[in-house]
């Protein structure tokens, strides 16, 4: 795997958007590529945003662990970002629905 592919993989797994990946590569590493080339690199190293979703049970267990550690303080945006950083492929809607089942009192407290 080339250095460029490794950097793209690291930033992708950190949850950076495509635009953020391109800007970071250009400013921090001097690697200027087009968005099309970025998509090509991601396809070559088998990284996709919406394909190959993680098992929903694994995501639910991870969410329960995060809630037990930090309490009901964090909402679905923070938990979504945490899931992405930990390698889960999941949608924000899935996180929102799981959170409403796992922690209904926390959800009502945050919406109030």
PDB file of N, CA and C in Angstrom:
ATOM      1  N   UNK A   1       0.853  -1.172   0.000  1.00  0.00           N
ATOM      2  CA  UNK A   1       0.000   0.000   0.000  1.00  0.00           C
ATOM      3  C   UNK A   1       0.900   1.237   0.000  1.00  0.00           C
ATOM      4  N   UNK A   2       0.603   2.153  -0.878  1.00  0.00           N
ATOM      5  CA  UNK A   2       1.421   3.360  -0.990  1.00  0.00           C
ATOM      6  C   UNK A   2       1.138   4.311   0.181  1.00  0.00           C
ATOM      7  N   UNK A   3       2.012   5.271   0.349  1.00  0.00           N
ATOM      8  CA  UNK A   3       1.860   6.269   1.409  1.00  0.00           C
ATOM      9  C   UNK A   3       0.554   7.059   1.227  1.00  0.00           C
ATOM     10  N   UNK A   4       0.248   7.392  -0.011  1.00  0.00           N
ATOM     11  CA  UNK A   4      -0.973   8.138  -0.303  1.00  0.00           C
ATOM     12  C   UNK A   4      -2.208   7.331   0.093  1.00  0.00           C
ATOM     13  N   UNK A   5      -2.223   6.055  -0.234  1.00  0.00           N
ATOM     14  CA  UNK A   5      -3.355   5.200   0.129  1.00  0.00           C
ATOM     15  C   UNK A   5      -3.474   5.059   1.647  1.00  0.00           C
ATOM     16  N   UNK A   6      -2.335   4.946   2.315  1.00  0.00           N
ATOM     17  CA  UNK A   6      -2.351   4.810   3.764  1.00  0.00           C
ATOM     18  C   UNK A   6      -2.917   6.065   4.428  1.00  0.00           C
ATOM     19  N   UNK A   7      -2.513   7.234   3.930  1.00  0.00           N
ATOM     20  CA  UNK A   7      -3.033   8.490   4.474  1.00  0.00           C
ATOM     21  C   UNK A   7      -4.538   8.633   4.233  1.00  0.00           C
ATOM     22  N   UNK A   8      -4.978   8.285   3.022  1.00  0.00           N
ATOM     23  CA  UNK A   8      -6.403   8.348   2.707  1.00  0.00           C
ATOM     24  C   UNK A   8      -7.174   7.419   3.644  1.00  0.00           C
ATOM     25  N   UNK A   9      -6.657   6.230   3.883  1.00  0.00           N
ATOM     26  CA  UNK A   9      -7.326   5.277   4.763  1.00  0.00           C
ATOM     27  C   UNK A   9      -7.418   5.815   6.193  1.00  0.00           C
ATOM     28  N   UNK A  10      -6.345   6.411   6.683  1.00  0.00           N
ATOM     29  CA  UNK A  10      -6.340   6.955   8.042  1.00  0.00           C
ATOM     30  C   UNK A  10      -7.386   8.054   8.182  1.00  0.00           C
ATOM     31  N   UNK A  11      -7.403   8.998   7.252  1.00  0.00           N
ATOM     32  CA  UNK A  11      -8.353  10.109   7.341  1.00  0.00           C
ATOM     33  C   UNK A  11      -9.789   9.638   7.121  1.00  0.00           C
ATOM     34  N   UNK A  12      -9.982   8.650   6.262  1.00  0.00           N
ATOM     35  CA  UNK A  12     -11.318   8.094   6.043  1.00  0.00           C
ATOM     36  C   UNK A  12     -11.837   7.456   7.330  1.00  0.00           C
ATOM     37  N   UNK A  13     -10.982   6.678   7.998  1.00  0.00           N
ATOM     38  CA  UNK A  13     -11.395   5.984   9.212  1.00  0.00           C
ATOM     39  C   UNK A  13     -11.578   6.931  10.389  1.00  0.00           C
ATOM     40  N   UNK A  14     -10.977   8.116  10.313  1.00  0.00           N
ATOM     41  CA  UNK A  14     -11.204   9.126  11.337  1.00  0.00           C
ATOM     42  C   UNK A  14     -12.540   9.837  11.148  1.00  0.00           C
ATOM     43  N   UNK A  15     -13.199   9.567  10.024  1.00  0.00           N
ATOM     44  CA  UNK A  15     -14.512  10.139   9.777  1.00  0.00           C
ATOM     45  C   UNK A  15     -14.484  11.450   9.018  1.00  0.00           C
ATOM     46  N   UNK A  16     -13.341  11.782   8.403  1.00  0.00           N
ATOM     47  CA  UNK A  16     -13.257  13.011   7.610  1.00  0.00           C
ATOM     48  C   UNK A  16     -14.163  12.901   6.392  1.00  0.00           C
ATOM     49  N   UNK A  17     -14.747  14.016   5.985  1.00  0.00           N
ATOM     50  CA  UNK A  17     -15.514  14.043   4.743  1.00  0.00           C
ATOM     51  C   UNK A  17     -14.527  14.002   3.577  1.00  0.00           C
ATOM     52  N   UNK A  18     -15.035  13.774   2.375  1.00  0.00           N
ATOM     53  CA  UNK A  18     -14.153  13.723   1.205  1.00  0.00           C
ATOM     54  C   UNK A  18     -13.417  15.040   1.026  1.00  0.00           C
ATOM     55  N   UNK A  19     -14.121  16.128   1.206  1.00  0.00           N
ATOM     56  CA  UNK A  19     -13.509  17.455   1.070  1.00  0.00           C
ATOM     57  C   UNK A  19     -12.419  17.666   2.114  1.00  0.00           C
ATOM     58  N   UNK A  20     -12.690  17.238   3.357  1.00  0.00           N
ATOM     59  CA  UNK A  20     -11.694  17.366   4.418  1.00  0.00           C
ATOM     60  C   UNK A  20     -10.461  16.517   4.139  1.00  0.00           C
ATOM     61  N   UNK A  21     -10.663  15.331   3.589  1.00  0.00           N
ATOM     62  CA  UNK A  21      -9.525  14.480   3.227  1.00  0.00           C
ATOM     63  C   UNK A  21      -8.670  15.172   2.175  1.00  0.00           C
ATOM     64  N   UNK A  22      -9.317  15.710   1.144  1.00  0.00           N
ATOM     65  CA  UNK A  22      -8.581  16.384   0.072  1.00  0.00           C
ATOM     66  C   UNK A  22      -7.810  17.593   0.599  1.00  0.00           C
ATOM     67  N   UNK A  23      -8.439  18.393   1.437  1.00  0.00           N
ATOM     68  CA  UNK A  23      -7.776  19.576   1.988  1.00  0.00           C
ATOM     69  C   UNK A  23      -6.612  19.198   2.907  1.00  0.00           C
ATOM     70  N   UNK A  24      -6.814  18.182   3.729  1.00  0.00           N
ATOM     71  CA  UNK A  24      -5.754  17.752   4.637  1.00  0.00           C
ATOM     72  C   UNK A  24      -4.571  17.183   3.873  1.00  0.00           C
ATOM     73  N   UNK A  25      -4.848  16.382   2.857  1.00  0.00           N
ATOM     74  CA  UNK A  25      -3.751  15.850   2.040  1.00  0.00           C
ATOM     75  C   UNK A  25      -2.960  16.970   1.381  1.00  0.00           C
ATOM     76  N   UNK A  26      -3.671  17.983   0.894  1.00  0.00           N
ATOM     77  CA  UNK A  26      -2.999  19.080   0.196  1.00  0.00           C
ATOM     78  C   UNK A  26      -2.181  19.939   1.158  1.00  0.00           C
ATOM     79  N   UNK A  27      -2.758  20.309   2.287  1.00  0.00           N
ATOM     80  CA  UNK A  27      -2.092  21.248   3.188  1.00  0.00           C
ATOM     81  C   UNK A  27      -1.041  20.603   4.075  1.00  0.00           C
ATOM     82  N   UNK A  28      -1.304  19.422   4.586  1.00  0.00           N
ATOM     83  CA  UNK A  28      -0.358  18.795   5.516  1.00  0.00           C
ATOM     84  C   UNK A  28       0.690  17.947   4.827  1.00  0.00           C
ATOM     85  N   UNK A  29       0.333  17.368   3.665  1.00  0.00           N
ATOM     86  CA  UNK A  29       1.243  16.413   3.045  1.00  0.00           C
ATOM     87  C   UNK A  29       1.679  16.815   1.638  1.00  0.00           C
ATOM     88  N   UNK A  30       1.121  17.881   1.120  1.00  0.00           N
ATOM     89  CA  UNK A  30       1.493  18.320  -0.220  1.00  0.00           C
ATOM     90  C   UNK A  30       1.032  17.390  -1.330  1.00  0.00           C
ATOM     91  N   UNK A  31       0.003  16.593  -1.056  1.00  0.00           N
ATOM     92  CA  UNK A  31      -0.538  15.659  -2.041  1.00  0.00           C
ATOM     93  C   UNK A  31      -1.827  16.256  -2.590  1.00  0.00           C
ATOM     94  N   UNK A  32      -1.816  16.672  -3.830  1.00  0.00           N
ATOM     95  CA  UNK A  32      -2.985  17.280  -4.453  1.00  0.00           C
ATOM     96  C   UNK A  32      -3.582  16.269  -5.423  1.00  0.00           C
ATOM     97  N   UNK A  33      -4.808  15.842  -5.123  1.00  0.00           N
ATOM     98  CA  UNK A  33      -5.518  14.902  -5.991  1.00  0.00           C
ATOM     99  C   UNK A  33      -6.936  15.412  -6.179  1.00  0.00           C
ATOM    100  N   UNK A  34      -7.596  14.918  -7.205  1.00  0.00           N
ATOM    101  CA  UNK A  34      -8.988  15.304  -7.448  1.00  0.00           C
ATOM    102  C   UNK A  34      -9.910  14.416  -6.617  1.00  0.00           C
ATOM    103  N   UNK A  35     -11.156  14.834  -6.532  1.00  0.00           N
ATOM    104  CA  UNK A  35     -12.123  14.039  -5.791  1.00  0.00           C
ATOM    105  C   UNK A  35     -12.351  12.688  -6.475  1.00  0.00           C
ATOM    106  N   UNK A  36     -12.297  12.687  -7.785  1.00  0.00           N
ATOM    107  CA  UNK A  36     -12.458  11.437  -8.531  1.00  0.00           C
ATOM    108  C   UNK A  36     -11.327  10.459  -8.200  1.00  0.00           C
ATOM    109  N   UNK A  37     -10.103  10.973  -8.099  1.00  0.00           N
ATOM    110  CA  UNK A  37      -8.968  10.125  -7.741  1.00  0.00           C
ATOM    111  C   UNK A  37      -9.124   9.608  -6.312  1.00  0.00           C
ATOM    112  N   UNK A  38      -9.639  10.450  -5.430  1.00  0.00           N
ATOM    113  CA  UNK A  38      -9.889  10.013  -4.054  1.00  0.00           C
ATOM    114  C   UNK A  38     -10.884   8.854  -4.035  1.00  0.00           C
ATOM    115  N   UNK A  39     -11.965   8.971  -4.797  1.00  0.00           N
ATOM    116  CA  UNK A  39     -12.951   7.882  -4.868  1.00  0.00           C
ATOM    117  C   UNK A  39     -12.326   6.613  -5.431  1.00  0.00           C
ATOM    118  N   UNK A  40     -11.472   6.765  -6.403  1.00  0.00           N
ATOM    119  CA  UNK A  40     -10.796   5.609  -6.997  1.00  0.00           C
ATOM    120  C   UNK A  40      -9.894   4.926  -5.970  1.00  0.00           C
ATOM    121  N   UNK A  41      -9.149   5.714  -5.211  1.00  0.00           N
ATOM    122  CA  UNK A  41      -8.267   5.159  -4.178  1.00  0.00           C
ATOM    123  C   UNK A  41      -9.092   4.421  -3.126  1.00  0.00           C
ATOM    124  N   UNK A  42     -10.184   5.019  -2.694  1.00  0.00           N
ATOM    125  CA  UNK A  42     -11.031   4.381  -1.696  1.00  0.00           C
ATOM    126  C   UNK A  42     -11.610   3.066  -2.205  1.00  0.00           C
ATOM    127  N   UNK A  43     -11.986   3.042  -3.461  1.00  0.00           N
ATOM    128  CA  UNK A  43     -12.529   1.806  -4.039  1.00  0.00           C
ATOM    129  C   UNK A  43     -11.457   0.727  -4.098  1.00  0.00           C
ATOM    130  N   UNK A  44     -10.235   1.109  -4.436  1.00  0.00           N
ATOM    131  CA  UNK A  44      -9.142   0.137  -4.537  1.00  0.00           C
ATOM    132  C   UNK A  44      -8.853  -0.494  -3.179  1.00  0.00           C
ATOM    133  N   UNK A  45      -8.906   0.299  -2.120  1.00  0.00           N
ATOM    134  CA  UNK A  45      -8.613  -0.249  -0.792  1.00  0.00           C
ATOM    135  C   UNK A  45      -9.875  -0.697  -0.042  1.00  0.00           C
ATOM    136  N   UNK A  46     -10.988  -0.824  -0.791  1.00  0.00           N
ATOM    137  CA  UNK A  46     -12.249  -1.372  -0.271  1.00  0.00           C
ATOM    138  C   UNK A  46     -12.804  -0.600   0.923  1.00  0.00           C
ATOM    139  N   UNK A  47     -12.848   0.721   0.810  1.00  0.00           N
ATOM    140  CA  UNK A  47     -13.468   1.547   1.831  1.00  0.00           C
ATOM    141  C   UNK A  47     -14.670   2.253   1.221  1.00  0.00           C
ATOM    142  N   UNK A  48     -15.824   2.075   1.854  1.00  0.00           N
ATOM    143  CA  UNK A  48     -17.064   2.643   1.350  1.00  0.00           C
ATOM    144  C   UNK A  48     -17.828   3.262   2.510  1.00  0.00           C
ATOM    145  N   UNK A  49     -18.543   4.334   2.245  1.00  0.00           N
ATOM    146  CA  UNK A  49     -19.342   4.984   3.288  1.00  0.00           C
ATOM    147  C   UNK A  49     -20.650   4.232   3.540  1.00  0.00           C
ATOM    148  N   UNK A  50     -21.274   3.721   2.514  1.00  0.00           N
ATOM    149  CA  UNK A  50     -22.605   3.139   2.690  1.00  0.00           C
ATOM    150  C   UNK A  50     -22.679   1.642   2.415  1.00  0.00           C
ATOM    151  N   UNK A  51     -21.657   1.073   1.818  1.00  0.00           N
ATOM    152  CA  UNK A  51     -21.672  -0.364   1.569  1.00  0.00           C
ATOM    153  C   UNK A  51     -21.183  -1.104   2.807  1.00  0.00           C
ATOM    154  N   UNK A  52     -21.525  -2.356   2.885  1.00  0.00           N
ATOM    155  CA  UNK A  52     -21.015  -3.252   3.925  1.00  0.00           C
ATOM    156  C   UNK A  52     -21.255  -2.688   5.323  1.00  0.00           C
ATOM    157  N   UNK A  53     -22.521  -2.416   5.637  1.00  0.00           N
ATOM    158  CA  UNK A  53     -22.855  -1.871   6.949  1.00  0.00           C
ATOM    159  C   UNK A  53     -22.495  -2.863   8.049  1.00  0.00           C
ATOM    160  N   UNK A  54     -22.146  -2.320   9.193  1.00  0.00           N
ATOM    161  CA  UNK A  54     -21.807  -3.140  10.352  1.00  0.00           C
ATOM    162  C   UNK A  54     -23.062  -3.816  10.892  1.00  0.00           C
ATOM    163  N   UNK A  55     -22.845  -4.940  11.570  1.00  0.00           N
ATOM    164  CA  UNK A  55     -23.955  -5.663  12.180  1.00  0.00           C
ATOM    165  C   UNK A  55     -24.614  -4.773  13.233  1.00  0.00           C
ATOM    166  N   UNK A  56     -25.918  -4.665  13.179  1.00  0.00           N
ATOM    167  CA  UNK A  56     -26.651  -3.743  14.051  1.00  0.00           C
ATOM    168  C   UNK A  56     -26.525  -4.156  15.516  1.00  0.00           C
ATOM    169  N   UNK A  57     -26.384  -5.438  15.777  1.00  0.00           N
ATOM    170  CA  UNK A  57     -26.216  -5.907  17.158  1.00  0.00           C
ATOM    171  C   UNK A  57     -24.872  -5.438  17.716  1.00  0.00           C
ATOM    172  N   UNK A  58     -23.822  -5.509  16.903  1.00  0.00           N
ATOM    173  CA  UNK A  58     -22.507  -5.023  17.341  1.00  0.00           C
ATOM    174  C   UNK A  58     -22.554  -3.525  17.632  1.00  0.00           C
ATOM    175  N   UNK A  59     -23.244  -2.790  16.791  1.00  0.00           N
ATOM    176  CA  UNK A  59     -23.375  -1.341  16.997  1.00  0.00           C
ATOM    177  C   UNK A  59     -24.152  -1.063  18.275  1.00  0.00           C
ATOM    178  N   UNK A  60     -25.238  -1.811  18.509  1.00  0.00           N
ATOM    179  CA  UNK A  60     -26.045  -1.613  19.718  1.00  0.00           C
ATOM    180  C   UNK A  60     -25.223  -1.910  20.973  1.00  0.00           C
ATOM    181  N   UNK A  61     -24.438  -2.979  20.943  1.00  0.00           N
ATOM    182  CA  UNK A  61     -23.588  -3.299  22.092  1.00  0.00           C
ATOM    183  C   UNK A  61     -22.552  -2.209  22.336  1.00  0.00           C
ATOM    184  N   UNK A  62     -21.989  -1.690  21.262  1.00  0.00           N
ATOM    185  CA  UNK A  62     -21.016  -0.606  21.386  1.00  0.00           C
ATOM    186  C   UNK A  62     -21.665   0.641  21.972  1.00  0.00           C
ATOM    187  N   UNK A  63     -22.876   0.975  21.512  1.00  0.00           N
ATOM    188  CA  UNK A  63     -23.595   2.134  22.048  1.00  0.00           C
ATOM    189  C   UNK A  63     -23.904   1.957  23.527  1.00  0.00           C
ATOM    190  N   UNK A  64     -24.320   0.759  23.920  1.00  0.00           N
ATOM    191  CA  UNK A  64     -24.603   0.500  25.326  1.00  0.00           C
ATOM    192  C   UNK A  64     -23.349   0.669  26.172  1.00  0.00           C
ATOM    193  N   UNK A  65     -22.223   0.225  25.648  1.00  0.00           N
ATOM    194  CA  UNK A  65     -20.953   0.385  26.358  1.00  0.00           C
ATOM    195  C   UNK A  65     -20.603   1.870  26.494  1.00  0.00           C
ATOM    196  N   UNK A  66     -20.769   2.638  25.425  1.00  0.00           N
ATOM    197  CA  UNK A  66     -20.462   4.066  25.472  1.00  0.00           C
ATOM    198  C   UNK A  66     -21.380   4.806  26.440  1.00  0.00           C
ATOM    199  N   UNK A  67     -22.640   4.421  26.476  1.00  0.00           N
ATOM    200  CA  UNK A  67     -23.591   5.068  27.384  1.00  0.00           C
ATOM    201  C   UNK A  67     -23.262   4.726  28.829  1.00  0.00           C
ATOM    202  N   UNK A  68     -22.843   3.475  29.081  1.00  0.00           N
ATOM    203  CA  UNK A  68     -22.508   3.093  30.456  1.00  0.00           C
ATOM    204  C   UNK A  68     -21.241   3.801  30.930  1.00  0.00           C
ATOM    205  N   UNK A  69     -20.321   4.078  30.030  1.00  0.00           N
ATOM    206  CA  UNK A  69     -19.076   4.748  30.400  1.00  0.00           C
ATOM    207  C   UNK A  69     -19.306   6.234  30.625  1.00  0.00           C
ATOM    208  N   UNK A  70     -19.986   6.894  29.684  1.00  0.00           N
ATOM    209  CA  UNK A  70     -20.117   8.352  29.755  1.00  0.00           C
ATOM    210  C   UNK A  70     -21.488   8.814  30.238  1.00  0.00           C
ATOM    211  N   UNK A  71     -22.400   7.910  30.470  1.00  0.00           N
ATOM    212  CA  UNK A  71     -23.741   8.291  30.894  1.00  0.00           C
ATOM    213  C   UNK A  71     -24.580   8.737  29.710  1.00  0.00           C
ATOM    214  N   UNK A  72     -25.698   9.359  29.989  1.00  0.00           N
ATOM    215  CA  UNK A  72     -26.617   9.788  28.946  1.00  0.00           C
ATOM    216  C   UNK A  72     -26.339  11.206  28.473  1.00  0.00           C
ATOM    217  N   UNK A  73     -25.091  11.631  28.607  1.00  0.00           N
ATOM    218  CA  UNK A  73     -24.751  13.013  28.292  1.00  0.00           C
ATOM    219  C   UNK A  73     -24.669  13.293  26.803  1.00  0.00           C
ATOM    220  N   UNK A  74     -24.308  12.296  26.035  1.00  0.00           N
ATOM    221  CA  UNK A  74     -24.024  12.526  24.626  1.00  0.00           C
ATOM    222  C   UNK A  74     -25.195  12.130  23.745  1.00  0.00           C
ATOM    223  N   UNK A  75     -25.387  12.911  22.687  1.00  0.00           N
ATOM    224  CA  UNK A  75     -26.473  12.662  21.754  1.00  0.00           C
ATOM    225  C   UNK A  75     -26.039  11.803  20.588  1.00  0.00           C
ATOM    226  N   UNK A  76     -26.948  11.707  19.614  1.00  0.00           N
ATOM    227  CA  UNK A  76     -26.695  10.813  18.495  1.00  0.00           C
ATOM    228  C   UNK A  76     -25.578  11.312  17.582  1.00  0.00           C
ATOM    229  N   UNK A  77     -25.338  12.604  17.484  1.00  0.00           N
ATOM    230  CA  UNK A  77     -24.237  13.085  16.636  1.00  0.00           C
ATOM    231  C   UNK A  77     -22.892  12.662  17.189  1.00  0.00           C
ATOM    232  N   UNK A  78     -22.713  12.824  18.498  1.00  0.00           N
ATOM    233  CA  UNK A  78     -21.450  12.432  19.123  1.00  0.00           C
ATOM    234  C   UNK A  78     -21.267  10.917  19.032  1.00  0.00           C
ATOM    235  N   UNK A  79     -22.337  10.168  19.295  1.00  0.00           N
ATOM    236  CA  UNK A  79     -22.245   8.705  19.230  1.00  0.00           C
ATOM    237  C   UNK A  79     -22.006   8.225  17.802  1.00  0.00           C
ATOM    238  N   UNK A  80     -22.597   8.909  16.821  1.00  0.00           N
ATOM    239  CA  UNK A  80     -22.342   8.561  15.422  1.00  0.00           C
ATOM    240  C   UNK A  80     -20.863   8.750  15.089  1.00  0.00           C
ATOM    241  N   UNK A  81     -20.305   9.880  15.483  1.00  0.00           N
ATOM    242  CA  UNK A  81     -18.882  10.146  15.224  1.00  0.00           C
ATOM    243  C   UNK A  81     -18.002   9.137  15.942  1.00  0.00           C
ATOM    244  N   UNK A  82     -18.369   8.752  17.146  1.00  0.00           N
ATOM    245  CA  UNK A  82     -17.605   7.755  17.897  1.00  0.00           C
ATOM    246  C   UNK A  82     -17.662   6.398  17.207  1.00  0.00           C
ATOM    247  N   UNK A  83     -18.826   6.038  16.687  1.00  0.00           N
ATOM    248  CA  UNK A  83     -18.952   4.770  15.952  1.00  0.00           C
ATOM    249  C   UNK A  83     -18.075   4.777  14.707  1.00  0.00           C
ATOM    250  N   UNK A  84     -18.080   5.873  13.970  1.00  0.00           N
ATOM    251  CA  UNK A  84     -17.267   5.972  12.762  1.00  0.00           C
ATOM    252  C   UNK A  84     -15.792   5.865  13.109  1.00  0.00           C
ATOM    253  N   UNK A  85     -15.363   6.569  14.168  1.00  0.00           N
ATOM    254  CA  UNK A  85     -13.956   6.517  14.585  1.00  0.00           C
ATOM    255  C   UNK A  85     -13.534   5.123  15.014  1.00  0.00           C
ATOM    256  N   UNK A  86     -14.481   4.328  15.487  1.00  0.00           N
ATOM    257  CA  UNK A  86     -14.167   2.974  15.930  1.00  0.00           C
ATOM    258  C   UNK A  86     -14.388   1.932  14.849  1.00  0.00           C
ATOM    259  N   UNK A  87     -14.582   2.377  13.614  1.00  0.00           N
ATOM    260  CA  UNK A  87     -14.607   1.460  12.490  1.00  0.00           C
ATOM    261  C   UNK A  87     -15.958   0.907  12.101  1.00  0.00           C
ATOM    262  N   UNK A  88     -17.025   1.379  12.693  1.00  0.00           N
ATOM    263  CA  UNK A  88     -18.353   0.910  12.325  1.00  0.00           C
ATOM    264  C   UNK A  88     -18.845   1.667  11.095  1.00  0.00           C
ATOM    265  N   UNK A  89     -19.539   0.969  10.220  1.00  0.00           N
ATOM    266  CA  UNK A  89     -20.191   1.594   9.071  1.00  0.00           C
ATOM    267  C   UNK A  89     -21.677   1.585   9.379  1.00  0.00           C
ATOM    268  N   UNK A  90     -22.193   2.759   9.694  1.00  0.00           N
ATOM    269  CA  UNK A  90     -23.572   2.863  10.159  1.00  0.00           C
ATOM    270  C   UNK A  90     -24.108   4.233   9.755  1.00  0.00           C
ATOM    271  N   UNK A  91     -25.422   4.324   9.610  1.00  0.00           N
ATOM    272  CA  UNK A  91     -26.024   5.607   9.246  1.00  0.00           C
ATOM    273  C   UNK A  91     -26.429   6.370  10.509  1.00  0.00           C
ATOM    274  N   UNK A  92     -26.599   7.665  10.364  1.00  0.00           N
ATOM    275  CA  UNK A  92     -27.040   8.488  11.498  1.00  0.00           C
ATOM    276  C   UNK A  92     -28.445   8.086  11.939  1.00  0.00           C
ATOM    277  N   UNK A  93     -29.255   7.716  10.969  1.00  0.00           N
ATOM    278  CA  UNK A  93     -30.624   7.298  11.292  1.00  0.00           C
ATOM    279  C   UNK A  93     -30.612   6.035  12.148  1.00  0.00           C
ATOM    280  N   UNK A  94     -29.750   5.079  11.831  1.00  0.00           N
ATOM    281  CA  UNK A  94     -29.636   3.858  12.641  1.00  0.00           C
ATOM    282  C   UNK A  94     -29.232   4.197  14.075  1.00  0.00           C
ATOM    283  N   UNK A  95     -28.290   5.112  14.219  1.00  0.00           N
ATOM    284  CA  UNK A  95     -27.846   5.524  15.556  1.00  0.00           C
ATOM    285  C   UNK A  95     -29.009   6.175  16.309  1.00  0.00           C
ATOM    286  N   UNK A  96     -29.738   7.038  15.631  1.00  0.00           N
ATOM    287  CA  UNK A  96     -30.864   7.720  16.272  1.00  0.00           C
ATOM    288  C   UNK A  96     -31.916   6.714  16.755  1.00  0.00           C
ATOM    289  N   UNK A  97     -32.240   5.738  15.907  1.00  0.00           N
ATOM    290  CA  UNK A  97     -33.244   4.739  16.280  1.00  0.00           C
ATOM    291  C   UNK A  97     -32.753   3.838  17.410  1.00  0.00           C
ATOM    292  N   UNK A  98     -31.504   3.409  17.328  1.00  0.00           N
ATOM    293  CA  UNK A  98     -30.949   2.566  18.392  1.00  0.00           C
ATOM    294  C   UNK A  98     -30.912   3.318  19.720  1.00  0.00           C
ATOM    295  N   UNK A  99     -30.532   4.575  19.654  1.00  0.00           N
ATOM    296  CA  UNK A  99     -30.444   5.374  20.874  1.00  0.00           C
ATOM    297  C   UNK A  99     -31.814   5.565  21.512  1.00  0.00           C
ATOM    298  N   UNK A 100     -32.853   5.707  20.694  1.00  0.00           N
ATOM    299  CA  UNK A 100     -34.203   5.865  21.250  1.00  0.00           C
ATOM    300  C   UNK A 100     -34.686   4.584  21.928  1.00  0.00           C
ATOM    301  N   UNK A 101     -34.160   3.436  21.519  1.00  0.00           N
ATOM    302  CA  UNK A 101     -34.525   2.166  22.153  1.00  0.00           C
ATOM    303  C   UNK A 101     -33.654   1.900  23.379  1.00  0.00           C
ATOM    304  N   UNK A 102     -32.354   2.160  23.256  1.00  0.00           N
ATOM    305  CA  UNK A 102     -31.410   1.846  24.328  1.00  0.00           C
ATOM    306  C   UNK A 102     -31.527   2.828  25.497  1.00  0.00           C
ATOM    307  N   UNK A 103     -31.663   4.113  25.197  1.00  0.00           N
ATOM    308  CA  UNK A 103     -31.651   5.144  26.233  1.00  0.00           C
ATOM    309  C   UNK A 103     -32.805   6.137  26.042  1.00  0.00           C
ATOM    310  N   UNK A 104     -34.056   5.690  26.225  1.00  0.00           N
ATOM    311  CA  UNK A 104     -35.181   6.590  25.980  1.00  0.00           C
ATOM    312  C   UNK A 104     -35.233   7.774  26.945  1.00  0.00           C
ATOM    313  N   UNK A 105     -34.820   7.585  28.188  1.00  0.00           N
ATOM    314  CA  UNK A 105     -34.850   8.702  29.141  1.00  0.00           C
ATOM    315  C   UNK A 105     -33.823   9.762  28.767  1.00  0.00           C
ATOM    316  N   UNK A 106     -32.648   9.356  28.340  1.00  0.00           N
ATOM    317  CA  UNK A 106     -31.633  10.302  27.912  1.00  0.00           C
ATOM    318  C   UNK A 106     -32.081  11.089  26.690  1.00  0.00           C
ATOM    319  N   UNK A 107     -32.769  10.420  25.764  1.00  0.00           N
ATOM    320  CA  UNK A 107     -33.264  11.091  24.572  1.00  0.00           C
ATOM    321  C   UNK A 107     -34.306  12.146  24.949  1.00  0.00           C
ATOM    322  N   UNK A 108     -35.217  11.799  25.842  1.00  0.00           N
ATOM    323  CA  UNK A 108     -36.233  12.780  26.238  1.00  0.00           C
ATOM    324  C   UNK A 108     -35.624  13.933  27.026  1.00  0.00           C
ATOM    325  N   UNK A 109     -34.612  13.667  27.817  1.00  0.00           N
ATOM    326  CA  UNK A 109     -33.945  14.746  28.550  1.00  0.00           C
ATOM    327  C   UNK A 109     -33.236  15.712  27.609  1.00  0.00           C
ATOM    328  N   UNK A 110     -32.615  15.171  26.574  1.00  0.00           N
ATOM    329  CA  UNK A 110     -31.888  16.036  25.626  1.00  0.00           C
ATOM    330  C   UNK A 110     -32.843  16.799  24.708  1.00  0.00           C
ATOM    331  N   UNK A 111     -34.011  16.255  24.409  1.00  0.00           N
ATOM    332  CA  UNK A 111     -34.950  16.970  23.548  1.00  0.00           C
ATOM    333  C   UNK A 111     -35.707  18.044  24.311  1.00  0.00           C
ATOM    334  N   UNK A 112     -35.791  17.897  25.618  1.00  0.00           N
ATOM    335  CA  UNK A 112     -36.481  18.899  26.438  1.00  0.00           C
ATOM    336  C   UNK A 112     -35.559  20.064  26.640  1.00  0.00           C
TER     337      UNK A 112
END
